Amino acid sequence: GKRLSLSNFGYALYQPDKGEPFILDSDDAWVGGNIAHLPPEILNPAEDVPELDYTKSDVFGAGCMIYEILNLQNPFEADESLIKRAYTQADLPLIPKRSRYSYALDRLVCLLLRHKPSKRISAKRAGDLVEVMLWGPEELRGTDRAAAEQLAAEWLEQQRAEILSSLALKLAENFTPQGSRVQNNAGFSLEDELKCKFLRETSARALTTNLYLLSQCQRGQQR
C-alpha cells in the first residue's frame, strides 16, 4: 500500500543527538520559522533572559498543528494577545467531539501547549500518547492506578497473542499450498508494523502512566 510521510522538519530546532539545547540570541528569534507556531518564551521572553531556548519550541508547534490538521484555527492566530498572557488550558479552544479520538487529542493539545516550557511533555511522550490513543485500551482510562497496572499487563499479553495470530494468518495468505508467493497480496500494512512496535516496546507501567495522562483533563467537564 501507499504510505504518507510528513517529513518537512526544516524548522525543527531541537536536535537531541547534539546533546545541548539549541540556543539563540534574542536578535535571532526569526530563525524559529512559522511565527504562528512559536511559543511564549520565544515571542514574549522576560526582559532578563539573555538567550532564547528553543528546547520545547517544536512540541509547542506540534500542538498548534493539531488544530490546523483538524481544520480548526490555531488559537494563537485567532487571538494574537493570547501568546502574551499567562494563559491556562481553559483559554485554549476545545477539540470538537467528532470521533473516539477527540477527547485524547484535546488532552494532547493541552499537554503540548502549556505556557511554561518545563511543564510541556517531550516529543517522545507525545508519540507514546498518540500510540495509546490509537491502540490502547479505552476501557482502562480512568481506572484506579493501583489496579490499572495489573489489568494493563493482562491486556498487553492478550493483544500480543492476538496480533501474532493475525500476522501469522496474513503471512500464510502470501503463499499457495505449494509454497509459491501470491502476487499482489497486500501483506503487512504500515499500521501492522507500528502496532507491533507499540505492543513490543510498551510495558504495563508505561501504558498505565500514559492512560492516566490521557484521562486527567478538567476540560472534559465542559463538553
C-alpha atoms as a PDB file:
ATOM      1  CA  GLY A   1       0.000   0.000   0.000  1.00  0.00           C
ATOM      2  CA  LYS A   2       0.941   3.652  -0.305  1.00  0.00           C
ATOM      3  CA  ARG A   3       2.465   5.492   2.639  1.00  0.00           C
ATOM      4  CA  LEU A   4       2.143   9.119   3.615  1.00  0.00           C
ATOM      5  CA  SER A   5       5.191  10.649   5.259  1.00  0.00           C
ATOM      6  CA  LEU A   6       5.185  14.093   6.909  1.00  0.00           C
ATOM      7  CA  SER A   7       8.866  14.884   6.797  1.00  0.00           C
ATOM      8  CA  ASN A   8       9.482  18.598   6.377  1.00  0.00           C
ATOM      9  CA  PHE A   9      11.469  19.382   9.506  1.00  0.00           C
ATOM     10  CA  GLY A  10      13.359  22.340   8.082  1.00  0.00           C
ATOM     11  CA  TYR A  11      12.420  24.426  11.103  1.00  0.00           C
ATOM     12  CA  ALA A  12      12.893  21.729  13.765  1.00  0.00           C
ATOM     13  CA  LEU A  13      15.316  23.498  16.065  1.00  0.00           C
ATOM     14  CA  TYR A  14      15.821  20.993  18.861  1.00  0.00           C
ATOM     15  CA  GLN A  15      18.171  18.157  17.941  1.00  0.00           C
ATOM     16  CA  PRO A  16      18.651  15.818  20.941  1.00  0.00           C
ATOM     17  CA  ASP A  17      21.519  13.907  19.325  1.00  0.00           C
ATOM     18  CA  LYS A  18      23.692  17.017  19.621  1.00  0.00           C
ATOM     19  CA  GLY A  19      23.407  16.860  23.395  1.00  0.00           C
ATOM     20  CA  GLU A  20      22.821  20.567  24.008  1.00  0.00           C
ATOM     21  CA  PRO A  21      19.664  22.715  23.663  1.00  0.00           C
ATOM     22  CA  PHE A  22      19.502  24.930  20.600  1.00  0.00           C
ATOM     23  CA  ILE A  23      20.025  28.455  21.953  1.00  0.00           C
ATOM     24  CA  LEU A  24      19.981  31.718  20.008  1.00  0.00           C
ATOM     25  CA  ASP A  25      20.401  35.367  20.866  1.00  0.00           C
ATOM     26  CA  SER A  26      17.183  37.393  21.053  1.00  0.00           C
ATOM     27  CA  ASP A  27      18.071  39.121  17.761  1.00  0.00           C
ATOM     28  CA  ASP A  28      17.807  35.748  16.010  1.00  0.00           C
ATOM     29  CA  ALA A  29      14.256  34.912  17.120  1.00  0.00           C
ATOM     30  CA  TRP A  30      13.061  34.902  13.498  1.00  0.00           C
ATOM     31  CA  VAL A  31      15.002  31.669  12.882  1.00  0.00           C
ATOM     32  CA  GLY A  32      12.104  29.820  14.516  1.00  0.00           C
ATOM     33  CA  GLY A  33      10.199  29.625  11.246  1.00  0.00           C
ATOM     34  CA  ASN A  34       6.414  29.929  11.253  1.00  0.00           C
ATOM     35  CA  ILE A  35       5.747  32.698  13.757  1.00  0.00           C
ATOM     36  CA  ALA A  36       2.247  31.328  14.444  1.00  0.00           C
ATOM     37  CA  HIS A  37       3.858  28.189  15.887  1.00  0.00           C
ATOM     38  CA  LEU A  38       6.373  29.882  18.181  1.00  0.00           C
ATOM     39  CA  PRO A  39       5.892  29.602  21.975  1.00  0.00           C
ATOM     40  CA  PRO A  40       5.649  32.460  24.501  1.00  0.00           C
ATOM     41  CA  GLU A  41       9.231  32.058  25.752  1.00  0.00           C
ATOM     42  CA  ILE A  42      10.397  32.945  22.220  1.00  0.00           C
ATOM     43  CA  LEU A  43       7.869  35.588  21.196  1.00  0.00           C
ATOM     44  CA  ASN A  44       7.444  37.179  24.604  1.00  0.00           C
ATOM     45  CA  PRO A  45      10.582  36.437  26.664  1.00  0.00           C
ATOM     46  CA  ALA A  46      11.282  38.012  30.030  1.00  0.00           C
ATOM     47  CA  GLU A  47      13.489  41.106  29.887  1.00  0.00           C
ATOM     48  CA  ASP A  48      16.214  39.474  31.980  1.00  0.00           C
ATOM     49  CA  VAL A  49      16.573  36.475  29.619  1.00  0.00           C
ATOM     50  CA  PRO A  50      19.738  36.994  27.510  1.00  0.00           C
ATOM     51  CA  GLU A  51      19.271  33.907  25.301  1.00  0.00           C
ATOM     52  CA  LEU A  52      16.320  32.180  23.684  1.00  0.00           C
ATOM     53  CA  ASP A  53      15.980  28.471  24.421  1.00  0.00           C
ATOM     54  CA  TYR A  54      14.151  26.530  21.683  1.00  0.00           C
ATOM     55  CA  THR A  55      14.203  23.183  23.545  1.00  0.00           C
ATOM     56  CA  LYS A  56      10.401  22.920  23.802  1.00  0.00           C
ATOM     57  CA  SER A  57       9.594  25.097  20.779  1.00  0.00           C
ATOM     58  CA  ASP A  58       8.965  22.196  18.405  1.00  0.00           C
ATOM     59  CA  VAL A  59       6.451  20.437  20.651  1.00  0.00           C
ATOM     60  CA  PHE A  60       4.561  23.715  21.019  1.00  0.00           C
ATOM     61  CA  GLY A  61       4.437  23.985  17.239  1.00  0.00           C
ATOM     62  CA  ALA A  62       3.107  20.429  17.057  1.00  0.00           C
ATOM     63  CA  GLY A  63       0.267  21.421  19.376  1.00  0.00           C
ATOM     64  CA  CYS A  64      -0.662  24.306  17.077  1.00  0.00           C
ATOM     65  CA  MET A  65      -0.558  21.978  14.075  1.00  0.00           C
ATOM     66  CA  ILE A  66      -3.073  19.593  15.661  1.00  0.00           C
ATOM     67  CA  TYR A  67      -5.684  22.360  15.442  1.00  0.00           C
ATOM     68  CA  GLU A  68      -4.728  23.092  11.837  1.00  0.00           C
ATOM     69  CA  ILE A  69      -4.707  19.433  10.728  1.00  0.00           C
ATOM     70  CA  LEU A  70      -8.221  19.107  12.164  1.00  0.00           C
ATOM     71  CA  ASN A  71      -9.277  22.123  10.067  1.00  0.00           C
ATOM     72  CA  LEU A  72      -9.541  24.325  13.162  1.00  0.00           C
ATOM     73  CA  GLN A  73      -7.966  27.734  13.654  1.00  0.00           C
ATOM     74  CA  ASN A  74      -4.710  27.985  15.536  1.00  0.00           C
ATOM     75  CA  PRO A  75      -5.785  29.712  18.794  1.00  0.00           C
ATOM     76  CA  PHE A  76      -2.706  31.933  18.767  1.00  0.00           C
ATOM     77  CA  GLU A  77      -3.632  33.246  15.323  1.00  0.00           C
ATOM     78  CA  ALA A  78      -7.271  33.698  16.284  1.00  0.00           C
ATOM     79  CA  ASP A  79      -6.276  35.773  19.330  1.00  0.00           C
ATOM     80  CA  GLU A  80      -2.852  37.343  18.952  1.00  0.00           C
ATOM     81  CA  SER A  81      -2.950  38.624  22.552  1.00  0.00           C
ATOM     82  CA  LEU A  82      -3.146  35.048  23.918  1.00  0.00           C
ATOM     83  CA  ILE A  83       0.570  34.380  23.487  1.00  0.00           C
ATOM     84  CA  LYS A  84       1.341  37.481  25.579  1.00  0.00           C
ATOM     85  CA  ARG A  85      -0.759  36.340  28.547  1.00  0.00           C
ATOM     86  CA  ALA A  86      -0.168  33.702  31.206  1.00  0.00           C
ATOM     87  CA  TYR A  87      -2.873  31.577  29.611  1.00  0.00           C
ATOM     88  CA  THR A  88      -4.144  28.279  31.001  1.00  0.00           C
ATOM     89  CA  GLN A  89      -5.681  25.260  29.283  1.00  0.00           C
ATOM     90  CA  ALA A  90      -9.118  26.812  29.863  1.00  0.00           C
ATOM     91  CA  ASP A  91      -8.147  29.546  27.382  1.00  0.00           C
ATOM     92  CA  LEU A  92      -7.491  27.042  24.601  1.00  0.00           C
ATOM     93  CA  PRO A  93     -10.457  26.068  22.403  1.00  0.00           C
ATOM     94  CA  LEU A  94     -11.823  22.566  22.840  1.00  0.00           C
ATOM     95  CA  ILE A  95     -11.284  19.969  20.138  1.00  0.00           C
ATOM     96  CA  PRO A  96     -14.850  19.268  18.893  1.00  0.00           C
ATOM     97  CA  LYS A  97     -16.131  15.786  19.668  1.00  0.00           C
ATOM     98  CA  ARG A  98     -16.186  14.169  16.214  1.00  0.00           C
ATOM     99  CA  SER A  99     -14.673  10.751  16.870  1.00  0.00           C
ATOM    100  CA  ARG A 100     -13.431   8.464  19.624  1.00  0.00           C
ATOM    101  CA  TYR A 101     -10.058  10.212  19.361  1.00  0.00           C
ATOM    102  CA  SER A 102     -11.375  13.723  20.061  1.00  0.00           C
ATOM    103  CA  TYR A 103     -11.052  13.633  23.839  1.00  0.00           C
ATOM    104  CA  ALA A 104      -7.488  12.283  23.721  1.00  0.00           C
ATOM    105  CA  LEU A 105      -6.482  14.852  21.090  1.00  0.00           C
ATOM    106  CA  ASP A 106      -7.877  17.610  23.294  1.00  0.00           C
ATOM    107  CA  ARG A 107      -5.796  16.373  26.213  1.00  0.00           C
ATOM    108  CA  LEU A 108      -2.711  16.070  23.994  1.00  0.00           C
ATOM    109  CA  VAL A 109      -3.124  19.682  22.845  1.00  0.00           C
ATOM    110  CA  CYS A 110      -3.234  20.844  26.466  1.00  0.00           C
ATOM    111  CA  LEU A 111      -0.022  18.961  27.283  1.00  0.00           C
ATOM    112  CA  LEU A 112       1.834  20.292  24.227  1.00  0.00           C
ATOM    113  CA  LEU A 113       0.721  23.927  24.578  1.00  0.00           C
ATOM    114  CA  ARG A 114       1.355  24.518  28.269  1.00  0.00           C
ATOM    115  CA  HIS A 115       2.531  28.059  28.887  1.00  0.00           C
ATOM    116  CA  LYS A 116       5.687  27.088  30.802  1.00  0.00           C
ATOM    117  CA  PRO A 117       8.102  25.036  28.664  1.00  0.00           C
ATOM    118  CA  SER A 118       9.140  22.981  31.707  1.00  0.00           C
ATOM    119  CA  LYS A 119       5.541  21.765  32.007  1.00  0.00           C
ATOM    120  CA  ARG A 120       5.214  20.636  28.377  1.00  0.00           C
ATOM    121  CA  ILE A 121       5.622  16.992  27.524  1.00  0.00           C
ATOM    122  CA  SER A 122       8.516  15.825  25.386  1.00  0.00           C
ATOM    123  CA  ALA A 123       8.204  14.763  21.763  1.00  0.00           C
ATOM    124  CA  LYS A 124       8.841  11.162  22.847  1.00  0.00           C
ATOM    125  CA  ARG A 125       5.997  11.305  25.376  1.00  0.00           C
ATOM    126  CA  ALA A 126       3.687  12.858  22.778  1.00  0.00           C
ATOM    127  CA  GLY A 127       4.455   9.987  20.399  1.00  0.00           C
ATOM    128  CA  ASP A 128       3.739   7.464  23.148  1.00  0.00           C
ATOM    129  CA  LEU A 129       0.390   9.132  23.879  1.00  0.00           C
ATOM    130  CA  VAL A 130      -0.594   9.020  20.197  1.00  0.00           C
ATOM    131  CA  GLU A 131       0.134   5.267  20.147  1.00  0.00           C
ATOM    132  CA  VAL A 132      -2.009   4.726  23.247  1.00  0.00           C
ATOM    133  CA  MET A 133      -4.754   6.873  21.707  1.00  0.00           C
ATOM    134  CA  LEU A 134      -4.753   4.703  18.565  1.00  0.00           C
ATOM    135  CA  TRP A 135      -4.287   1.222  20.006  1.00  0.00           C
ATOM    136  CA  GLY A 136      -4.540   1.409  23.793  1.00  0.00           C
ATOM    137  CA  PRO A 137      -7.420   0.026  25.901  1.00  0.00           C
ATOM    138  CA  GLU A 138     -10.045   2.744  26.251  1.00  0.00           C
ATOM    139  CA  GLU A 139     -11.782   0.731  28.958  1.00  0.00           C
ATOM    140  CA  LEU A 140      -8.836   1.272  31.323  1.00  0.00           C
ATOM    141  CA  ARG A 141      -8.900   5.068  31.143  1.00  0.00           C
ATOM    142  CA  GLY A 142      -9.917   6.491  34.493  1.00  0.00           C
ATOM    143  CA  THR A 143      -9.261   3.178  36.274  1.00  0.00           C
ATOM    144  CA  ASP A 144      -7.582   3.371  39.680  1.00  0.00           C
ATOM    145  CA  ARG A 145      -3.836   3.394  39.003  1.00  0.00           C
ATOM    146  CA  ALA A 146      -3.092   0.657  41.544  1.00  0.00           C
ATOM    147  CA  ALA A 147      -5.453  -1.769  39.794  1.00  0.00           C
ATOM    148  CA  ALA A 148      -4.795  -0.498  36.269  1.00  0.00           C
ATOM    149  CA  GLU A 149      -1.225  -1.811  36.002  1.00  0.00           C
ATOM    150  CA  GLN A 150      -2.276  -5.435  36.513  1.00  0.00           C
ATOM    151  CA  LEU A 151      -5.151  -5.005  34.065  1.00  0.00           C
ATOM    152  CA  ALA A 152      -2.740  -3.363  31.577  1.00  0.00           C
ATOM    153  CA  ALA A 153      -0.335  -6.317  31.863  1.00  0.00           C
ATOM    154  CA  GLU A 154      -3.173  -8.748  31.096  1.00  0.00           C
ATOM    155  CA  TRP A 155      -4.361  -6.590  28.197  1.00  0.00           C
ATOM    156  CA  LEU A 156      -0.850  -6.432  26.688  1.00  0.00           C
ATOM    157  CA  GLU A 157      -0.456 -10.211  26.916  1.00  0.00           C
ATOM    158  CA  GLN A 158      -3.781 -10.750  25.159  1.00  0.00           C
ATOM    159  CA  GLN A 159      -3.081  -8.158  22.445  1.00  0.00           C
ATOM    160  CA  ARG A 160       0.374  -9.568  21.718  1.00  0.00           C
ATOM    161  CA  ALA A 161      -1.087 -13.039  21.265  1.00  0.00           C
ATOM    162  CA  GLU A 162      -3.871 -11.743  19.016  1.00  0.00           C
ATOM    163  CA  ILE A 163      -1.613  -9.730  16.735  1.00  0.00           C
ATOM    164  CA  LEU A 164       0.853 -12.624  16.396  1.00  0.00           C
ATOM    165  CA  SER A 165      -2.030 -14.828  15.301  1.00  0.00           C
ATOM    166  CA  SER A 166      -3.267 -12.159  12.874  1.00  0.00           C
ATOM    167  CA  LEU A 167       0.178 -11.648  11.357  1.00  0.00           C
ATOM    168  CA  ALA A 168       0.687 -15.401  11.017  1.00  0.00           C
ATOM    169  CA  LEU A 169      -2.574 -15.652   9.043  1.00  0.00           C
ATOM    170  CA  LYS A 170      -1.540 -12.738   6.806  1.00  0.00           C
ATOM    171  CA  LEU A 171       1.835 -14.379   6.207  1.00  0.00           C
ATOM    172  CA  ALA A 172       0.156 -17.659   5.309  1.00  0.00           C
ATOM    173  CA  GLU A 173      -2.087 -15.846   2.807  1.00  0.00           C
ATOM    174  CA  ASN A 174       1.032 -14.675   0.950  1.00  0.00           C
ATOM    175  CA  PHE A 175       1.819 -18.227  -0.191  1.00  0.00           C
ATOM    176  CA  THR A 176      -0.019 -21.003  -2.030  1.00  0.00           C
ATOM    177  CA  PRO A 177      -0.155 -24.550  -0.589  1.00  0.00           C
ATOM    178  CA  GLN A 178       2.726 -25.372  -2.971  1.00  0.00           C
ATOM    179  CA  GLY A 179       4.879 -22.644  -1.431  1.00  0.00           C
ATOM    180  CA  SER A 180       4.679 -20.089  -4.248  1.00  0.00           C
ATOM    181  CA  ARG A 181       4.281 -16.448  -3.310  1.00  0.00           C
ATOM    182  CA  VAL A 182       0.874 -14.938  -4.074  1.00  0.00           C
ATOM    183  CA  GLN A 183       1.102 -11.931  -6.377  1.00  0.00           C
ATOM    184  CA  ASN A 184      -0.481  -8.560  -5.447  1.00  0.00           C
ATOM    185  CA  ASN A 185      -1.210  -9.635  -1.884  1.00  0.00           C
ATOM    186  CA  ALA A 186      -1.416  -6.664   0.492  1.00  0.00           C
ATOM    187  CA  GLY A 187       0.663  -8.357   3.204  1.00  0.00           C
ATOM    188  CA  PHE A 188       1.633  -6.368   6.305  1.00  0.00           C
ATOM    189  CA  SER A 189       0.447  -2.771   6.432  1.00  0.00           C
ATOM    190  CA  LEU A 190       2.234   0.211   7.930  1.00  0.00           C
ATOM    191  CA  GLU A 191      -0.300   0.143  10.767  1.00  0.00           C
ATOM    192  CA  ASP A 192       0.568  -3.509  11.426  1.00  0.00           C
ATOM    193  CA  GLU A 193       4.239  -2.576  11.731  1.00  0.00           C
ATOM    194  CA  LEU A 194       3.599   0.391  14.021  1.00  0.00           C
ATOM    195  CA  LYS A 195       1.168  -1.502  16.234  1.00  0.00           C
ATOM    196  CA  CYS A 196       3.645  -4.374  16.593  1.00  0.00           C
ATOM    197  CA  LYS A 197       6.322  -1.912  17.636  1.00  0.00           C
ATOM    198  CA  PHE A 198       3.957  -0.349  20.185  1.00  0.00           C
ATOM    199  CA  LEU A 199       2.993  -3.709  21.715  1.00  0.00           C
ATOM    200  CA  ARG A 200       6.608  -4.928  21.732  1.00  0.00           C
ATOM    201  CA  GLU A 201       8.100  -1.854  23.407  1.00  0.00           C
ATOM    202  CA  THR A 202       5.332  -0.811  25.823  1.00  0.00           C
ATOM    203  CA  SER A 203       5.387  -2.017  29.426  1.00  0.00           C
ATOM    204  CA  ALA A 204       2.343  -2.283  31.678  1.00  0.00           C
ATOM    205  CA  ARG A 205       3.653   0.565  33.815  1.00  0.00           C
ATOM    206  CA  ALA A 206       4.281   2.869  30.835  1.00  0.00           C
ATOM    207  CA  LEU A 207       0.854   2.040  29.399  1.00  0.00           C
ATOM    208  CA  THR A 208      -0.797   2.838  32.740  1.00  0.00           C
ATOM    209  CA  THR A 209       1.050   6.161  33.022  1.00  0.00           C
ATOM    210  CA  ASN A 210       0.079   7.234  29.512  1.00  0.00           C
ATOM    211  CA  LEU A 211      -3.551   6.207  30.009  1.00  0.00           C
ATOM    212  CA  TYR A 212      -3.576   8.276  33.189  1.00  0.00           C
ATOM    213  CA  LEU A 213      -2.239  11.325  31.324  1.00  0.00           C
ATOM    214  CA  LEU A 214      -4.925  10.978  28.674  1.00  0.00           C
ATOM    215  CA  SER A 215      -7.695  10.696  31.258  1.00  0.00           C
ATOM    216  CA  GLN A 216      -6.741  13.588  33.537  1.00  0.00           C
ATOM    217  CA  CYS A 217      -8.330  16.642  31.945  1.00  0.00           C
ATOM    218  CA  GLN A 218     -10.779  19.012  33.632  1.00  0.00           C
ATOM    219  CA  ARG A 219     -11.729  20.377  30.191  1.00  0.00           C
ATOM    220  CA  GLY A 220     -13.767  17.219  29.715  1.00  0.00           C
ATOM    221  CA  GLN A 221     -16.291  18.638  32.146  1.00  0.00           C
ATOM    222  CA  GLN A 222     -17.005  21.427  29.656  1.00  0.00           C
ATOM    223  CA  ARG A 223     -18.196  19.063  26.887  1.00  0.00           C
END
